[in-house]
Amino acid sequence: MSIKVIVGLILIATIVMIFYIKRVSSKQSNYPLTVPTNIDKIVPDSPVSFGYKCMWFAIKSDNKKRIAKILELNNLTDCNWQIGIDKAYNGSVFITPSINGWTLVCGWGLPHGDSKKSIDTVKSKLKILSKEFNEAQFFCSHRVTEYHCWIKSTKGHIQRVYSFLGEAGENIIVEGDQTEFEKTLKLVNTFSEEAKNKAYYENEKLIYPDEDLVMQVAEHWSINPSKLEERKDIEPSLGLLGQRK
């Protein structure tokens, strides 16, 4: 094989790799997509995916107004997906239409769940929600600090809390037994006895959570919001838009 052919193949491979990286980066960094200014928020539309760089509750109920009351939201208005998700990424809170019996509540207006104090706030809400609706969950993904969190509550009791702050290289809180999906992973736990040994961190099978893992946990527990646009079982509909008190 000539040098020219080898160089050509390397060049093609490089171009393909750059294209792939840009495509993945674009997919994960442009949440939400730019919304046209002429969109009417009370016209039902199809789902808009979200999840990256955001936080959300998942509640086993379709009672949006009751959920809004528990989460202390006000200024509620009917709103479609495009406007709702856009506003959610800009400080408001969007309550989605029901998806297979689940309602998602997303937005930077929610407690972030990125500190012990904030996690306690989330847990208190989850207990109320799950006591009334049987099951409620919380997820958070923050790319800048590499903070990732998931919490599950059933029948008024917190079953599982896992949170990891990547920039500090340590967990904030780890509580409860691993769920079935988590048992298939060797999640890092800086509070564990094993972690007292430096060799623990040299294990190649050790999993450090990232934003994609948060989506996988959400998919196994309830709904993966990053795949909503791929679904064909959700009719055009309206949710609720509001702000926290």
Protein backbone atom coordinates (compact mmCIF):
# COMPACT_ATOMS: atom_id res chain seq x y z
CA MET A 1 0.00 0.00 0.00
CA SER A 2 1.47 3.35 -1.06
CA ILE A 3 2.14 6.24 1.30
CA LYS A 4 -0.44 8.37 -0.54
CA VAL A 5 -3.14 5.77 0.03
CA ILE A 6 -2.25 5.46 3.72
CA VAL A 7 -2.29 9.23 4.17
CA GLY A 8 -5.62 9.40 2.34
CA LEU A 9 -7.17 6.76 4.60
CA ILE A 10 -5.91 8.54 7.70
CA LEU A 11 -7.36 11.82 6.43
CA ILE A 12 -10.76 10.23 5.75
CA ALA A 13 -10.80 8.58 9.18
CA THR A 14 -9.95 11.91 10.82
CA ILE A 15 -12.75 13.72 8.98
CA VAL A 16 -15.28 11.04 9.95
CA MET A 17 -14.20 11.22 13.59
CA ILE A 18 -14.46 15.03 13.68
CA PHE A 19 -17.94 14.85 12.14
CA TYR A 20 -19.06 12.27 14.70
CA ILE A 21 -17.71 14.27 17.65
CA LYS A 22 -19.41 17.44 16.42
CA ARG A 23 -22.68 15.59 15.91
CA VAL A 24 -22.67 14.12 19.40
CA SER A 25 -21.57 17.41 20.94
CA SER A 26 -24.32 19.27 19.11
CA LYS A 27 -26.93 16.77 20.25
CA GLN A 28 -25.97 17.09 23.89
CA SER A 29 -25.19 20.80 24.11
CA ASN A 30 -28.11 22.44 22.33
CA TYR A 31 -30.83 21.71 24.87
CA PRO A 32 -33.32 23.04 24.19
CA LEU A 33 -33.44 23.86 20.50
CA THR A 34 -34.10 27.45 19.45
CA VAL A 35 -37.84 28.13 19.44
CA PRO A 36 -39.33 30.27 16.63
CA THR A 37 -40.83 33.53 17.92
CA ASN A 38 -44.17 32.91 16.20
CA ILE A 39 -45.00 29.74 18.14
CA ASP A 40 -48.33 29.91 20.01
CA LYS A 41 -47.87 28.19 23.37
CA ILE A 42 -51.50 27.00 23.58
CA VAL A 43 -51.34 25.06 20.31
CA PRO A 44 -50.74 21.37 21.19
CA ASP A 45 -47.54 19.93 19.75
CA SER A 46 -45.40 16.79 19.86
CA PRO A 47 -42.86 16.05 22.63
CA VAL A 48 -39.54 17.87 22.87
CA SER A 49 -36.64 15.94 24.38
CA PHE A 50 -34.73 17.32 27.37
CA GLY A 51 -32.61 16.10 30.26
CA TYR A 52 -29.05 17.22 29.64
CA LYS A 53 -27.99 20.20 31.77
CA CYS A 54 -31.24 20.12 33.70
CA MET A 55 -33.15 18.62 36.61
CA TRP A 56 -36.58 17.00 36.74
CA PHE A 57 -39.09 15.06 38.80
CA ALA A 58 -40.88 11.96 37.50
CA ILE A 59 -44.20 11.26 39.23
CA LYS A 60 -46.47 8.26 38.74
CA SER A 61 -49.59 10.37 38.14
CA ASP A 62 -51.36 12.46 35.51
CA ASN A 63 -52.71 14.98 38.03
CA LYS A 64 -50.69 18.01 36.89
CA LYS A 65 -52.50 20.57 39.04
CA ARG A 66 -52.03 18.58 42.25
CA ILE A 67 -48.36 18.05 41.40
CA ALA A 68 -47.98 21.79 40.81
CA LYS A 69 -49.50 22.53 44.22
CA ILE A 70 -47.16 20.13 46.03
CA LEU A 71 -44.14 21.64 44.25
CA GLU A 72 -45.42 25.14 45.14
CA LEU A 73 -45.72 26.43 41.59
CA ASN A 74 -47.72 29.53 40.75
CA ASN A 75 -48.69 31.57 37.67
CA LEU A 76 -49.77 28.35 35.98
CA THR A 77 -50.75 28.50 32.31
CA ASP A 78 -51.44 25.89 29.65
CA CYS A 79 -48.35 25.45 27.50
CA ASN A 80 -47.07 23.24 24.72
CA TRP A 81 -43.79 21.34 24.63
CA GLN A 82 -41.69 23.76 22.56
CA ILE A 83 -42.37 26.81 24.69
CA GLY A 84 -42.47 24.82 27.93
CA ILE A 85 -39.07 23.19 27.53
CA ASP A 86 -37.52 26.45 26.33
CA LYS A 87 -38.84 28.29 29.39
CA ALA A 88 -37.79 25.42 31.66
CA TYR A 89 -34.17 25.93 30.62
CA ASN A 90 -34.52 29.62 31.45
CA GLY A 91 -35.73 29.51 35.04
CA SER A 92 -39.36 28.37 34.79
CA VAL A 93 -40.88 24.94 35.45
CA PHE A 94 -42.71 22.85 32.84
CA ILE A 95 -45.10 20.05 33.77
CA THR A 96 -45.36 17.70 30.83
CA PRO A 97 -48.44 15.92 29.54
CA SER A 98 -48.78 12.39 30.89
CA ILE A 99 -46.46 9.76 29.36
CA ASN A 100 -47.53 6.16 30.03
CA GLY A 101 -48.94 7.23 33.39
CA TRP A 102 -45.90 9.32 34.32
CA THR A 103 -45.69 13.10 34.52
CA LEU A 104 -42.31 14.83 34.26
CA VAL A 105 -41.63 18.20 35.87
CA CYS A 106 -38.49 19.90 34.60
CA GLY A 107 -36.71 23.21 34.80
CA TRP A 108 -34.06 25.36 36.41
CA GLY A 109 -36.78 26.78 38.65
CA LEU A 110 -36.76 23.52 40.62
CA PRO A 111 -34.45 22.80 43.57
CA HIS A 112 -31.18 21.73 41.96
CA GLY A 113 -30.39 18.80 44.22
CA ASP A 114 -26.68 19.62 43.97
CA SER A 115 -25.88 20.05 47.68
CA LYS A 116 -26.83 18.31 50.91
CA LYS A 117 -29.29 21.08 51.74
CA SER A 118 -30.85 21.03 48.28
CA ILE A 119 -31.06 17.24 48.28
CA ASP A 120 -32.92 17.42 51.59
CA THR A 121 -35.40 19.82 49.95
CA VAL A 122 -35.87 17.40 47.04
CA LYS A 123 -36.32 14.46 49.40
CA SER A 124 -39.03 16.24 51.37
CA LYS A 125 -40.98 16.86 48.16
CA LEU A 126 -40.47 13.30 46.95
CA LYS A 127 -41.84 11.92 50.20
CA ILE A 128 -45.03 13.96 49.82
CA LEU A 129 -45.39 13.11 46.13
CA SER A 130 -44.76 9.39 46.57
CA LYS A 131 -47.05 9.16 49.58
CA GLU A 132 -49.89 10.52 47.46
CA PHE A 133 -49.01 8.97 44.09
CA ASN A 134 -47.10 5.85 45.19
CA GLU A 135 -43.83 6.65 43.39
CA ALA A 136 -41.76 9.74 42.61
CA GLN A 137 -38.23 10.27 41.38
CA PHE A 138 -35.71 13.07 40.86
CA PHE A 139 -32.82 13.43 38.43
CA CYS A 140 -30.17 16.07 37.90
CA SER A 141 -27.40 16.46 35.33
CA HIS A 142 -25.03 19.42 35.37
CA ARG A 143 -22.23 19.26 32.80
CA VAL A 144 -20.08 22.18 34.03
CA THR A 145 -19.44 20.74 37.50
CA GLU A 146 -20.04 17.15 36.32
CA TYR A 147 -22.70 16.77 38.99
CA HIS A 148 -25.09 13.84 38.59
CA CYS A 149 -27.87 12.67 40.87
CA TRP A 150 -30.86 10.34 41.05
CA ILE A 151 -33.31 9.81 43.90
CA LYS A 152 -36.23 7.39 44.22
CA SER A 153 -39.11 7.43 46.71
CA THR A 154 -42.05 5.05 47.10
CA LYS A 155 -45.08 5.33 49.36
CA GLY A 156 -43.63 8.24 51.32
CA HIS A 157 -40.20 6.70 51.92
CA ILE A 158 -36.88 7.49 50.25
CA GLN A 159 -35.54 4.25 48.79
CA ARG A 160 -32.41 5.40 47.01
CA VAL A 161 -30.16 8.46 46.74
CA TYR A 162 -27.03 8.61 44.62
CA SER A 163 -25.17 11.83 43.91
CA PHE A 164 -21.67 12.43 42.61
CA LEU A 165 -19.78 15.69 42.08
CA GLY A 166 -17.25 15.10 39.33
CA GLU A 167 -15.19 18.26 39.80
CA ALA A 168 -14.51 17.23 43.40
CA GLY A 169 -14.22 13.53 42.61
CA GLU A 170 -16.53 12.53 45.44
CA ASN A 171 -20.08 11.57 46.30
CA ILE A 172 -22.28 14.06 48.17
CA ILE A 173 -24.84 11.54 49.42
CA VAL A 174 -25.28 7.81 48.86
CA GLU A 175 -28.24 6.21 50.62
CA GLY A 176 -30.35 3.08 50.32
CA ASP A 177 -29.93 -0.13 48.37
CA GLN A 178 -28.97 -0.13 44.73
CA THR A 179 -31.84 -0.68 42.31
CA GLU A 180 -31.70 -3.58 39.85
CA PHE A 181 -30.10 -1.54 37.07
CA GLU A 182 -27.50 -0.06 39.42
CA LYS A 183 -26.50 -3.55 40.51
CA THR A 184 -25.22 -4.17 36.98
CA LEU A 185 -22.72 -1.32 37.45
CA LYS A 186 -19.78 -0.82 39.75
CA LEU A 187 -20.68 2.72 40.71
CA VAL A 188 -18.04 4.71 42.51
CA ASN A 189 -18.85 5.19 46.19
CA THR A 190 -16.30 7.38 47.97
CA PHE A 191 -18.01 6.61 51.31
CA SER A 192 -17.41 2.86 51.03
CA GLU A 193 -14.84 0.89 53.00
CA GLU A 194 -13.18 -0.11 49.72
CA ALA A 195 -12.63 3.55 48.86
CA LYS A 196 -10.27 3.91 51.82
CA ASN A 197 -7.76 1.92 49.80
CA LYS A 198 -6.08 3.77 46.91
CA ALA A 199 -6.24 0.59 44.82
CA TYR A 200 -10.03 1.01 44.72
CA TYR A 201 -9.72 3.88 42.26
CA GLU A 202 -7.43 1.88 39.97
CA ASN A 203 -10.17 -0.63 39.18
CA GLU A 204 -10.93 -0.30 35.46
CA LYS A 205 -14.50 -1.51 36.03
CA LEU A 206 -15.29 1.37 38.38
CA ILE A 207 -18.07 3.54 36.92
CA TYR A 208 -18.05 7.31 37.33
CA PRO A 209 -21.51 8.68 36.46
CA ASP A 210 -22.02 11.03 33.55
CA GLU A 211 -25.07 12.66 31.98
CA ASP A 212 -25.75 9.67 29.75
CA LEU A 213 -25.83 7.36 32.76
CA VAL A 214 -28.43 9.64 34.38
CA MET A 215 -30.60 9.14 31.28
CA GLN A 216 -30.11 5.36 31.47
CA VAL A 217 -31.19 5.28 35.12
CA ALA A 218 -34.24 7.38 34.24
CA GLU A 219 -35.11 4.97 31.43
CA HIS A 220 -34.92 1.94 33.74
CA TRP A 221 -36.90 3.64 36.50
CA SER A 222 -39.53 5.49 34.50
CA ILE A 223 -39.05 7.72 31.42
CA ASN A 224 -35.91 8.76 29.55
CA PRO A 225 -36.61 12.40 28.64
CA SER A 226 -33.76 12.55 26.12
CA LYS A 227 -35.64 10.10 23.89
CA LEU A 228 -39.09 11.70 23.87
CA GLU A 229 -38.87 12.83 20.26
CA GLU A 230 -38.24 9.23 19.18
CA ARG A 231 -41.51 8.01 20.68
CA LYS A 232 -44.63 7.48 18.56
CA ASP A 233 -47.06 6.88 21.42
CA ILE A 234 -47.46 10.48 22.65
CA GLU A 235 -50.20 12.54 21.03
CA PRO A 236 -49.80 16.32 20.56
CA SER A 237 -50.95 17.89 23.82
CA LEU A 238 -50.43 20.63 26.38
CA GLY A 239 -48.71 20.72 29.74
CA LEU A 240 -48.50 23.43 32.39
CA LEU A 241 -45.93 26.19 32.74
CA GLY A 242 -45.26 27.88 36.08
CA GLN A 243 -42.73 29.26 38.52
CA ARG A 244 -41.77 28.25 42.02
CA LYS A 245 -42.86 30.49 44.88
